[in-house]
Amino acid sequence: MPVSPSPPAEPDVPLRPVGKDCLVAFGGNLYSVPARRVHPRQLVEIRATKSQIMLHSTAADSNGETLLATHPRAIGRGVRVVEETHWDGLPTDKGRRTTTGDVPQPRRERPLGEVAGPLQALLNRAAATRIEVGRRPLSVYDELTGTRPFTTRPSTRETS
């Protein structure tokens, strides 16, 4: 059975993931992309020349465009090349994240008196938490099992 020749290989175009802060690592440097046009871990195509870095989406947008950003190529390593307008719409604190173009919704405040925490949230949803459990003193269990705590004076109910 004859083997068909494989198609010619495409030029090696580097793909890099977008970080949560809209930065893409290439050549030891970080380059920004617009937050409203990407999402975290999305792969972007990098086309580099000696003087310029062009970041392209792997899929065209509604206008048929793939170009996300163009930056001058950084000299050296460890440089952040950021266009501040790329961060429009992102939170300004250290926990910033990329968006998918949607306007972020404000967080709903918890009602006063609600106990915080993931365990309490699970307990609030569990049906087992709605079962009423009878409460008895531990002495009842001591009598059922025939054991009593050590005491210095004998019990008045003891029959020996």
Protein backbone atom coordinates (compact mmCIF):
# COMPACT_ATOMS: atom_id res chain seq x y z
CA MET A 1 0.00 0.00 0.00
CA PRO A 2 1.64 3.28 -1.07
CA VAL A 3 2.09 5.97 1.54
CA SER A 4 0.98 9.45 0.51
CA PRO A 5 3.55 12.16 1.07
CA SER A 6 2.89 14.41 4.03
CA PRO A 7 1.97 18.03 3.33
CA PRO A 8 4.82 20.49 3.46
CA ALA A 9 5.52 21.69 6.98
CA GLU A 10 4.43 25.21 7.87
CA PRO A 11 7.09 27.58 9.14
CA ASP A 12 7.61 27.18 12.87
CA VAL A 13 5.36 29.87 14.34
CA PRO A 14 5.66 30.07 18.12
CA LEU A 15 2.43 29.83 20.09
CA ARG A 16 2.38 31.13 23.64
CA PRO A 17 -0.37 31.19 26.28
CA VAL A 18 -1.82 34.44 27.58
CA GLY A 19 -1.23 34.95 31.30
CA LYS A 20 -3.95 36.02 33.72
CA ASP A 21 -2.51 39.54 33.59
CA CYS A 22 -2.73 39.79 29.76
CA LEU A 23 0.98 39.24 29.28
CA VAL A 24 2.58 36.83 26.83
CA ALA A 25 6.12 35.54 27.39
CA PHE A 26 8.50 35.47 24.43
CA GLY A 27 12.28 35.55 24.33
CA GLY A 28 12.59 36.07 28.08
CA ASN A 29 10.35 39.16 27.99
CA LEU A 30 6.66 39.88 28.53
CA TYR A 31 4.39 41.61 26.01
CA SER A 32 0.82 42.79 26.64
CA VAL A 33 -2.33 41.94 24.70
CA PRO A 34 -5.78 43.59 25.01
CA ALA A 35 -7.72 42.06 27.91
CA ARG A 36 -11.07 42.42 26.19
CA ARG A 37 -9.95 40.32 23.22
CA VAL A 38 -8.35 37.34 24.97
CA HIS A 39 -8.96 34.90 27.78
CA PRO A 40 -6.54 33.21 30.20
CA ARG A 41 -4.35 30.48 28.68
CA GLN A 42 -5.51 31.31 25.17
CA LEU A 43 -2.74 30.55 22.70
CA VAL A 44 -1.53 33.48 20.62
CA GLU A 45 0.76 33.39 17.63
CA ILE A 46 3.95 35.40 17.79
CA ARG A 47 5.48 36.88 14.67
CA ALA A 48 8.81 38.46 15.44
CA THR A 49 11.25 40.53 13.45
CA LYS A 50 14.51 42.05 14.66
CA SER A 51 12.72 45.21 15.74
CA GLN A 52 9.09 44.26 16.31
CA ILE A 53 6.83 41.68 17.98
CA MET A 54 3.35 41.12 16.56
CA LEU A 55 0.87 39.08 18.58
CA HIS A 56 -1.94 37.41 16.63
CA SER A 57 -4.98 35.44 17.69
CA THR A 58 -5.23 31.94 16.22
CA ALA A 59 -8.83 32.67 15.18
CA ALA A 60 -10.09 35.76 13.37
CA ASP A 61 -12.54 38.08 15.12
CA SER A 62 -15.87 39.24 13.64
CA ASN A 63 -14.01 41.68 11.36
CA GLY A 64 -11.62 39.00 10.10
CA GLU A 65 -8.69 40.46 12.04
CA THR A 66 -6.15 38.36 13.93
CA LEU A 67 -3.69 41.07 15.00
CA LEU A 68 -3.96 41.70 18.75
CA ALA A 69 -0.94 43.91 19.43
CA THR A 70 2.32 45.22 17.99
CA HIS A 71 5.24 46.12 20.24
CA PRO A 72 8.85 47.16 19.71
CA ARG A 73 11.11 44.21 20.47
CA ALA A 74 12.63 44.41 23.94
CA ILE A 75 16.39 44.58 24.32
CA GLY A 76 17.78 42.15 26.87
CA ARG A 77 15.77 39.83 29.09
CA GLY A 78 13.23 40.35 31.85
CA VAL A 79 11.63 43.40 30.23
CA ARG A 80 7.89 44.06 30.35
CA VAL A 81 6.57 45.80 27.25
CA VAL A 82 3.08 46.95 28.21
CA GLU A 83 0.59 49.23 26.55
CA GLU A 84 -1.53 50.49 29.46
CA THR A 85 -4.73 50.59 27.36
CA HIS A 86 -4.52 46.79 27.07
CA TRP A 87 -5.43 46.58 30.76
CA ASP A 88 -8.65 48.60 30.38
CA GLY A 89 -11.44 46.80 32.16
CA LEU A 90 -9.19 44.74 34.42
CA PRO A 91 -9.13 45.09 38.18
CA THR A 92 -6.22 47.23 39.35
CA ASP A 93 -5.04 45.05 42.23
CA LYS A 94 -2.58 42.17 42.17
CA GLY A 95 -5.36 39.67 41.45
CA ARG A 96 -6.13 41.04 37.99
CA ARG A 97 -7.38 38.58 35.42
CA THR A 98 -8.01 38.64 31.70
CA THR A 99 -11.60 38.97 30.53
CA THR A 100 -13.57 37.57 27.65
CA GLY A 101 -14.90 40.96 26.63
CA ASP A 102 -17.84 40.86 29.02
CA VAL A 103 -18.30 43.58 31.58
CA PRO A 104 -17.37 42.16 34.98
CA GLN A 105 -20.29 41.82 37.38
CA PRO A 106 -19.88 43.22 40.90
CA ARG A 107 -19.72 40.68 43.69
CA ARG A 108 -22.85 40.23 45.74
CA GLU A 109 -22.39 41.06 49.38
CA ARG A 110 -23.24 38.36 51.89
CA PRO A 111 -26.14 39.07 54.20
CA LEU A 112 -25.16 40.02 57.72
CA GLY A 113 -25.03 37.06 60.05
CA GLU A 114 -24.19 34.52 57.35
CA VAL A 115 -21.23 32.40 58.35
CA ALA A 116 -18.48 32.59 55.73
CA GLY A 117 -16.46 29.71 54.41
CA PRO A 118 -16.73 26.89 51.90
CA LEU A 119 -17.46 24.26 54.57
CA GLN A 120 -20.41 26.24 55.90
CA ALA A 121 -21.71 26.70 52.36
CA LEU A 122 -21.66 22.93 51.84
CA LEU A 123 -23.33 22.33 55.16
CA ASN A 124 -26.05 24.84 54.36
CA ARG A 125 -26.87 22.92 51.17
CA ALA A 126 -26.70 19.40 52.64
CA ALA A 127 -29.98 17.74 53.54
CA ALA A 128 -28.32 16.04 56.51
CA THR A 129 -28.02 19.37 58.28
CA ARG A 130 -31.82 19.67 58.44
CA ILE A 131 -32.26 16.44 60.45
CA GLU A 132 -33.05 17.09 64.09
CA VAL A 133 -30.82 15.02 66.37
CA GLY A 134 -31.86 14.13 69.92
CA ARG A 135 -29.50 15.19 72.68
CA ARG A 136 -28.81 13.14 75.81
CA PRO A 137 -26.34 13.50 78.63
CA LEU A 138 -23.28 11.23 78.44
CA SER A 139 -24.36 9.46 81.63
CA VAL A 140 -27.14 7.74 79.63
CA TYR A 141 -24.52 6.10 77.42
CA ASP A 142 -22.46 5.15 80.48
CA GLU A 143 -25.43 3.25 81.91
CA LEU A 144 -26.18 1.54 78.59
CA THR A 145 -22.65 0.25 78.21
CA GLY A 146 -22.11 -0.58 81.88
CA THR A 147 -19.23 1.83 82.23
CA ARG A 148 -19.01 4.81 84.50
CA PRO A 149 -16.37 7.42 84.97
CA PHE A 150 -14.05 6.86 87.92
CA THR A 151 -15.30 8.68 90.98
CA THR A 152 -14.08 8.86 94.57
CA ARG A 153 -17.45 8.12 96.18
CA PRO A 154 -19.74 5.26 95.22
CA SER A 155 -23.00 5.94 93.48
CA THR A 156 -26.19 5.63 95.59
CA ARG A 157 -27.79 3.44 92.93
CA GLU A 158 -25.05 0.81 93.11
CA THR A 159 -26.35 -2.58 94.37
CA SER A 160 -23.33 -4.45 95.69
